[in-house]
PDB file of N, CA and C in Angstrom:
ATOM      1  N   MET A   1       1.686  21.284   4.872  1.00  0.00           N
ATOM      2  CA  MET A   1       0.833  20.282   5.453  1.00  0.00           C
ATOM      3  C   MET A   1       1.703  19.370   6.310  1.00  0.00           C
ATOM      4  N   THR A   2       1.226  19.058   7.510  1.00  0.00           N
ATOM      5  CA  THR A   2       1.942  18.142   8.383  1.00  0.00           C
ATOM      6  C   THR A   2       0.977  17.118   8.965  1.00  0.00           C
ATOM      7  N   TRP A   3       1.530  16.007   9.399  1.00  0.00           N
ATOM      8  CA  TRP A   3       0.768  14.986  10.095  1.00  0.00           C
ATOM      9  C   TRP A   3       1.621  14.504  11.237  1.00  0.00           C
ATOM     10  N   LYS A   4       1.098  14.658  12.439  1.00  0.00           N
ATOM     11  CA  LYS A   4       1.844  14.336  13.651  1.00  0.00           C
ATOM     12  C   LYS A   4       3.176  15.080  13.679  1.00  0.00           C
ATOM     13  N   GLY A   5       3.161  16.319  13.190  1.00  0.00           N
ATOM     14  CA  GLY A   5       4.348  17.162  13.216  1.00  0.00           C
ATOM     15  C   GLY A   5       5.381  16.872  12.147  1.00  0.00           C
ATOM     16  N   LYS A   6       5.069  16.000  11.218  1.00  0.00           N
ATOM     17  CA  LYS A   6       6.023  15.650  10.164  1.00  0.00           C
ATOM     18  C   LYS A   6       5.489  16.072   8.805  1.00  0.00           C
ATOM     19  N   ASN A   7       6.386  16.551   7.958  1.00  0.00           N
ATOM     20  CA  ASN A   7       6.017  16.910   6.600  1.00  0.00           C
ATOM     21  C   ASN A   7       6.026  15.673   5.710  1.00  0.00           C
ATOM     22  N   PRO A   8       5.129  15.617   4.729  1.00  0.00           N
ATOM     23  CA  PRO A   8       5.117  14.453   3.833  1.00  0.00           C
ATOM     24  C   PRO A   8       6.323  14.468   2.897  1.00  0.00           C
ATOM     25  N   LEU A   9       6.765  13.287   2.501  1.00  0.00           N
ATOM     26  CA  LEU A   9       7.837  13.157   1.516  1.00  0.00           C
ATOM     27  C   LEU A   9       7.173  13.032   0.154  1.00  0.00           C
ATOM     28  N   ILE A  10       7.434  13.969  -0.708  1.00  0.00           N
ATOM     29  CA  ILE A  10       6.782  14.010  -2.009  1.00  0.00           C
ATOM     30  C   ILE A  10       7.839  13.948  -3.102  1.00  0.00           C
ATOM     31  N   THR A  11       7.599  13.103  -4.087  1.00  0.00           N
ATOM     32  CA  THR A  11       8.487  13.047  -5.243  1.00  0.00           C
ATOM     33  C   THR A  11       7.660  13.234  -6.500  1.00  0.00           C
ATOM     34  N   TYR A  12       8.239  13.845  -7.484  1.00  0.00           N
ATOM     35  CA  TYR A  12       7.562  14.113  -8.748  1.00  0.00           C
ATOM     36  C   TYR A  12       8.127  13.198  -9.820  1.00  0.00           C
ATOM     37  N   THR A  13       7.250  12.662 -10.626  1.00  0.00           N
ATOM     38  CA  THR A  13       7.692  11.860 -11.758  1.00  0.00           C
ATOM     39  C   THR A  13       6.932  12.309 -13.000  1.00  0.00           C
ATOM     40  N   ASP A  14       7.634  12.372 -14.094  1.00  0.00           N
ATOM     41  CA  ASP A  14       6.970  12.748 -15.342  1.00  0.00           C
ATOM     42  C   ASP A  14       6.855  11.552 -16.286  1.00  0.00           C
ATOM     43  N   LYS A  15       7.128  10.363 -15.738  1.00  0.00           N
ATOM     44  CA  LYS A  15       6.995   9.145 -16.529  1.00  0.00           C
ATOM     45  C   LYS A  15       5.520   8.765 -16.629  1.00  0.00           C
ATOM     46  N   PRO A  16       5.118   8.143 -17.734  1.00  0.00           N
ATOM     47  CA  PRO A  16       3.721   7.693 -17.836  1.00  0.00           C
ATOM     48  C   PRO A  16       3.459   6.555 -16.851  1.00  0.00           C
ATOM     49  N   TYR A  17       2.277   6.567 -16.260  1.00  0.00           N
ATOM     50  CA  TYR A  17       1.887   5.543 -15.304  1.00  0.00           C
ATOM     51  C   TYR A  17       1.403   4.319 -16.058  1.00  0.00           C
ATOM     52  N   GLU A  18       1.983   3.174 -15.748  1.00  0.00           N
ATOM     53  CA  GLU A  18       1.599   1.937 -16.424  1.00  0.00           C
ATOM     54  C   GLU A  18       0.332   1.369 -15.794  1.00  0.00           C
ATOM     55  N   THR A  19      -0.577   0.945 -16.608  1.00  0.00           N
ATOM     56  CA  THR A  19      -1.807   0.334 -16.113  1.00  0.00           C
ATOM     57  C   THR A  19      -1.832  -1.144 -16.504  1.00  0.00           C
ATOM     58  N   GLY A  20      -2.666  -1.889 -15.836  1.00  0.00           N
ATOM     59  CA  GLY A  20      -2.824  -3.299 -16.168  1.00  0.00           C
ATOM     60  C   GLY A  20      -1.785  -4.218 -15.568  1.00  0.00           C
ATOM     61  N   ILE A  21      -0.923  -3.702 -14.708  1.00  0.00           N
ATOM     62  CA  ILE A  21       0.101  -4.533 -14.085  1.00  0.00           C
ATOM     63  C   ILE A  21      -0.518  -5.215 -12.873  1.00  0.00           C
ATOM     64  N   LYS A  22      -0.323  -6.517 -12.772  1.00  0.00           N
ATOM     65  CA  LYS A  22      -0.899  -7.275 -11.672  1.00  0.00           C
ATOM     66  C   LYS A  22       0.188  -8.034 -10.929  1.00  0.00           C
ATOM     67  N   VAL A  23      -0.056  -8.237  -9.650  1.00  0.00           N
ATOM     68  CA  VAL A  23       0.844  -9.002  -8.804  1.00  0.00           C
ATOM     69  C   VAL A  23       0.388 -10.456  -8.837  1.00  0.00           C
ATOM     70  N   GLU A  24       1.339 -11.380  -8.832  1.00  0.00           N
ATOM     71  CA  GLU A  24       0.996 -12.801  -8.815  1.00  0.00           C
ATOM     72  C   GLU A  24       0.189 -13.122  -7.568  1.00  0.00           C
ATOM     73  N   LYS A  25      -0.680 -14.103  -7.673  1.00  0.00           N
ATOM     74  CA  LYS A  25      -1.560 -14.464  -6.559  1.00  0.00           C
ATOM     75  C   LYS A  25      -0.778 -14.862  -5.307  1.00  0.00           C
ATOM     76  N   LYS A  26       0.301 -15.617  -5.463  1.00  0.00           N
ATOM     77  CA  LYS A  26       1.060 -16.039  -4.281  1.00  0.00           C
ATOM     78  C   LYS A  26       1.774 -14.859  -3.626  1.00  0.00           C
ATOM     79  N   VAL A  27       2.189 -13.875  -4.408  1.00  0.00           N
ATOM     80  CA  VAL A  27       2.816 -12.671  -3.851  1.00  0.00           C
ATOM     81  C   VAL A  27       1.762 -11.825  -3.145  1.00  0.00           C
ATOM     82  N   MET A  28       0.587 -11.680  -3.757  1.00  0.00           N
ATOM     83  CA  MET A  28      -0.478 -10.898  -3.147  1.00  0.00           C
ATOM     84  C   MET A  28      -0.927 -11.512  -1.833  1.00  0.00           C
ATOM     85  N   LYS A  29      -0.886 -12.824  -1.738  1.00  0.00           N
ATOM     86  CA  LYS A  29      -1.262 -13.510  -0.507  1.00  0.00           C
ATOM     87  C   LYS A  29      -0.324 -13.088   0.631  1.00  0.00           C
ATOM     88  N   LEU A  30       0.955 -12.913   0.331  1.00  0.00           N
ATOM     89  CA  LEU A  30       1.912 -12.425   1.330  1.00  0.00           C
ATOM     90  C   LEU A  30       1.587 -10.992   1.738  1.00  0.00           C
ATOM     91  N   TYR A  31       1.297 -10.144   0.761  1.00  0.00           N
ATOM     92  CA  TYR A  31       0.951  -8.749   1.054  1.00  0.00           C
ATOM     93  C   TYR A  31      -0.302  -8.654   1.915  1.00  0.00           C
ATOM     94  N   GLU A  32      -1.262  -9.528   1.669  1.00  0.00           N
ATOM     95  CA  GLU A  32      -2.521  -9.491   2.413  1.00  0.00           C
ATOM     96  C   GLU A  32      -2.310  -9.712   3.904  1.00  0.00           C
ATOM     97  N   THR A  33      -1.220 -10.371   4.286  1.00  0.00           N
ATOM     98  CA  THR A  33      -0.950 -10.571   5.708  1.00  0.00           C
ATOM     99  C   THR A  33      -0.604  -9.256   6.407  1.00  0.00           C
ATOM    100  N   ALA A  34      -0.193  -8.241   5.661  1.00  0.00           N
ATOM    101  CA  ALA A  34       0.179  -6.953   6.227  1.00  0.00           C
ATOM    102  C   ALA A  34      -0.898  -5.886   6.008  1.00  0.00           C
ATOM    103  N   ILE A  35      -2.045  -6.284   5.460  1.00  0.00           N
ATOM    104  CA  ILE A  35      -3.114  -5.342   5.135  1.00  0.00           C
ATOM    105  C   ILE A  35      -4.377  -5.722   5.900  1.00  0.00           C
ATOM    106  N   LYS A  36      -5.027  -4.726   6.478  1.00  0.00           N
ATOM    107  CA  LYS A  36      -6.333  -4.939   7.092  1.00  0.00           C
ATOM    108  C   LYS A  36      -7.350  -4.178   6.252  1.00  0.00           C
ATOM    109  N   ARG A  37      -8.346  -4.876   5.753  1.00  0.00           N
ATOM    110  CA  ARG A  37      -9.357  -4.270   4.894  1.00  0.00           C
ATOM    111  C   ARG A  37     -10.612  -3.931   5.691  1.00  0.00           C
ATOM    112  N   ALA A  38     -11.218  -2.766   5.400  1.00  0.00           N
ATOM    113  CA  ALA A  38     -12.441  -2.336   6.071  1.00  0.00           C
ATOM    114  C   ALA A  38     -13.613  -3.179   5.590  1.00  0.00           C
ATOM    115  N   TYR A  39     -14.380  -3.695   6.513  1.00  0.00           N
ATOM    116  CA  TYR A  39     -15.517  -4.552   6.181  1.00  0.00           C
ATOM    117  C   TYR A  39     -16.520  -3.790   5.314  1.00  0.00           C
ATOM    118  N   GLY A  40     -16.897  -4.369   4.200  1.00  0.00           N
ATOM    119  CA  GLY A  40     -17.869  -3.762   3.297  1.00  0.00           C
ATOM    120  C   GLY A  40     -17.254  -2.853   2.248  1.00  0.00           C
ATOM    121  N   LEU A  41     -16.043  -2.382   2.499  1.00  0.00           N
ATOM    122  CA  LEU A  41     -15.353  -1.487   1.569  1.00  0.00           C
ATOM    123  C   LEU A  41     -13.946  -2.002   1.294  1.00  0.00           C
ATOM    124  N   GLU A  42     -13.812  -3.298   1.172  1.00  0.00           N
ATOM    125  CA  GLU A  42     -12.509  -3.956   1.085  1.00  0.00           C
ATOM    126  C   GLU A  42     -11.614  -3.447  -0.038  1.00  0.00           C
ATOM    127  N   SER A  43     -12.218  -3.035  -1.149  1.00  0.00           N
ATOM    128  CA  SER A  43     -11.413  -2.601  -2.288  1.00  0.00           C
ATOM    129  C   SER A  43     -10.856  -1.188  -2.125  1.00  0.00           C
ATOM    130  N   TRP A  44     -11.447  -0.386  -1.245  1.00  0.00           N
ATOM    131  CA  TRP A  44     -11.068   1.022  -1.173  1.00  0.00           C
ATOM    132  C   TRP A  44     -10.416   1.440   0.121  1.00  0.00           C
ATOM    133  N   PHE A  45     -10.750   0.826   1.240  1.00  0.00           N
ATOM    134  CA  PHE A  45     -10.223   1.256   2.523  1.00  0.00           C
ATOM    135  C   PHE A  45      -9.369   0.162   3.136  1.00  0.00           C
ATOM    136  N   VAL A  46      -8.083   0.438   3.236  1.00  0.00           N
ATOM    137  CA  VAL A  46      -7.154  -0.531   3.816  1.00  0.00           C
ATOM    138  C   VAL A  46      -6.263   0.166   4.824  1.00  0.00           C
ATOM    139  N   THR A  47      -5.786  -0.602   5.787  1.00  0.00           N
ATOM    140  CA  THR A  47      -4.790  -0.125   6.736  1.00  0.00           C
ATOM    141  C   THR A  47      -3.548  -0.965   6.526  1.00  0.00           C
ATOM    142  N   LEU A  48      -2.421  -0.294   6.331  1.00  0.00           N
ATOM    143  CA  LEU A  48      -1.141  -0.987   6.143  1.00  0.00           C
ATOM    144  C   LEU A  48      -0.373  -0.968   7.452  1.00  0.00           C
ATOM    145  N   TYR A  49       0.227  -2.069   7.778  1.00  0.00           N
ATOM    146  CA  TYR A  49       1.036  -2.175   8.974  1.00  0.00           C
ATOM    147  C   TYR A  49       2.506  -2.262   8.569  1.00  0.00           C
ATOM    148  N   PRO A  50       3.256  -1.147   8.705  1.00  0.00           N
ATOM    149  CA  PRO A  50       4.642  -1.087   8.226  1.00  0.00           C
ATOM    150  C   PRO A  50       5.542  -2.190   8.760  1.00  0.00           C
ATOM    151  N   ARG A  51       5.416  -2.535  10.036  1.00  0.00           N
ATOM    152  CA  ARG A  51       6.279  -3.588  10.581  1.00  0.00           C
ATOM    153  C   ARG A  51       6.007  -4.923   9.902  1.00  0.00           C
ATOM    154  N   LYS A  52       4.734  -5.213   9.659  1.00  0.00           N
ATOM    155  CA  LYS A  52       4.389  -6.446   8.961  1.00  0.00           C
ATOM    156  C   LYS A  52       4.873  -6.403   7.517  1.00  0.00           C
ATOM    157  N   CYS A  53       4.784  -5.215   6.898  1.00  0.00           N
ATOM    158  CA  CYS A  53       5.253  -5.070   5.502  1.00  0.00           C
ATOM    159  C   CYS A  53       6.746  -5.396   5.414  1.00  0.00           C
ATOM    160  N   LYS A  54       7.527  -4.906   6.371  1.00  0.00           N
ATOM    161  CA  LYS A  54       8.963  -5.180   6.368  1.00  0.00           C
ATOM    162  C   LYS A  54       9.239  -6.677   6.505  1.00  0.00           C
ATOM    163  N   LEU A  55       8.455  -7.352   7.334  1.00  0.00           N
ATOM    164  CA  LEU A  55       8.635  -8.785   7.498  1.00  0.00           C
ATOM    165  C   LEU A  55       8.290  -9.549   6.224  1.00  0.00           C
ATOM    166  N   VAL A  56       7.245  -9.092   5.556  1.00  0.00           N
ATOM    167  CA  VAL A  56       6.800  -9.764   4.331  1.00  0.00           C
ATOM    168  C   VAL A  56       7.813  -9.584   3.207  1.00  0.00           C
ATOM    169  N   LEU A  57       8.346  -8.387   3.097  1.00  0.00           N
ATOM    170  CA  LEU A  57       9.302  -8.121   2.026  1.00  0.00           C
ATOM    171  C   LEU A  57      10.656  -8.664   2.389  1.00  0.00           C
TER     172      LEU A  57
END
Protein backbone atom coordinates (compact mmCIF):
# COMPACT_ATOMS: atom_id res chain seq x y z
CA MET A 1 0.00 0.00 0.00
CA THR A 2 1.31 3.45 -0.87
CA TRP A 3 0.12 7.02 -0.54
CA LYS A 4 1.60 9.65 -2.80
CA GLY A 5 4.25 7.09 -3.74
CA LYS A 6 5.37 6.46 -0.17
CA ASN A 7 4.99 3.32 1.90
CA PRO A 8 3.53 3.65 5.40
CA LEU A 9 5.80 3.26 8.43
CA ILE A 10 4.36 0.49 10.55
CA THR A 11 5.53 -0.70 13.94
CA TYR A 12 4.23 -3.64 15.93
CA THR A 13 3.77 -3.63 19.67
CA ASP A 14 2.65 -6.48 21.86
CA LYS A 15 2.22 -4.30 24.94
CA PRO A 16 -1.31 -3.87 26.32
CA TYR A 17 -2.96 -0.61 25.30
CA GLU A 18 -3.69 1.62 28.27
CA THR A 19 -7.15 3.13 28.44
CA GLY A 20 -8.46 6.03 30.48
CA ILE A 21 -5.40 8.22 30.02
CA LYS A 22 -6.29 11.87 29.58
CA VAL A 23 -4.33 14.95 28.61
CA GLU A 24 -4.49 17.99 30.89
CA LYS A 25 -6.85 20.70 29.69
CA LYS A 26 -4.09 23.29 29.24
CA VAL A 27 -2.02 20.82 27.18
CA MET A 28 -5.03 19.87 25.06
CA LYS A 29 -5.67 23.55 24.39
CA LEU A 30 -2.20 23.74 22.80
CA TYR A 31 -2.88 20.64 20.69
CA GLU A 32 -6.19 22.09 19.51
CA THR A 33 -4.29 24.91 17.79
CA ALA A 34 -2.80 22.30 15.41
CA ILE A 35 -6.07 20.40 14.81
CA LYS A 36 -8.95 21.29 12.52
CA ARG A 37 -12.18 19.48 13.38
CA ALA A 38 -14.90 18.68 10.82
CA TYR A 39 -18.11 20.56 11.57
CA GLY A 40 -20.75 18.24 13.01
CA LEU A 41 -18.31 15.35 13.42
CA GLU A 42 -15.77 17.00 15.71
CA SER A 43 -15.03 13.88 17.75
CA TRP A 44 -14.24 11.64 14.78
CA PHE A 45 -12.89 13.65 11.85
CA VAL A 46 -9.83 15.81 12.37
CA THR A 47 -7.07 17.20 10.19
CA LEU A 48 -3.62 17.49 11.74
CA TYR A 49 -1.19 20.10 10.55
CA PRO A 50 2.36 18.73 11.06
CA ARG A 51 4.08 22.12 10.94
CA LYS A 52 1.76 23.47 13.61
CA CYS A 53 2.27 20.29 15.67
CA LYS A 54 6.04 20.84 15.63
CA LEU A 55 5.57 24.41 16.82
CA VAL A 56 3.25 23.33 19.62
CA LEU A 57 5.55 20.60 20.86
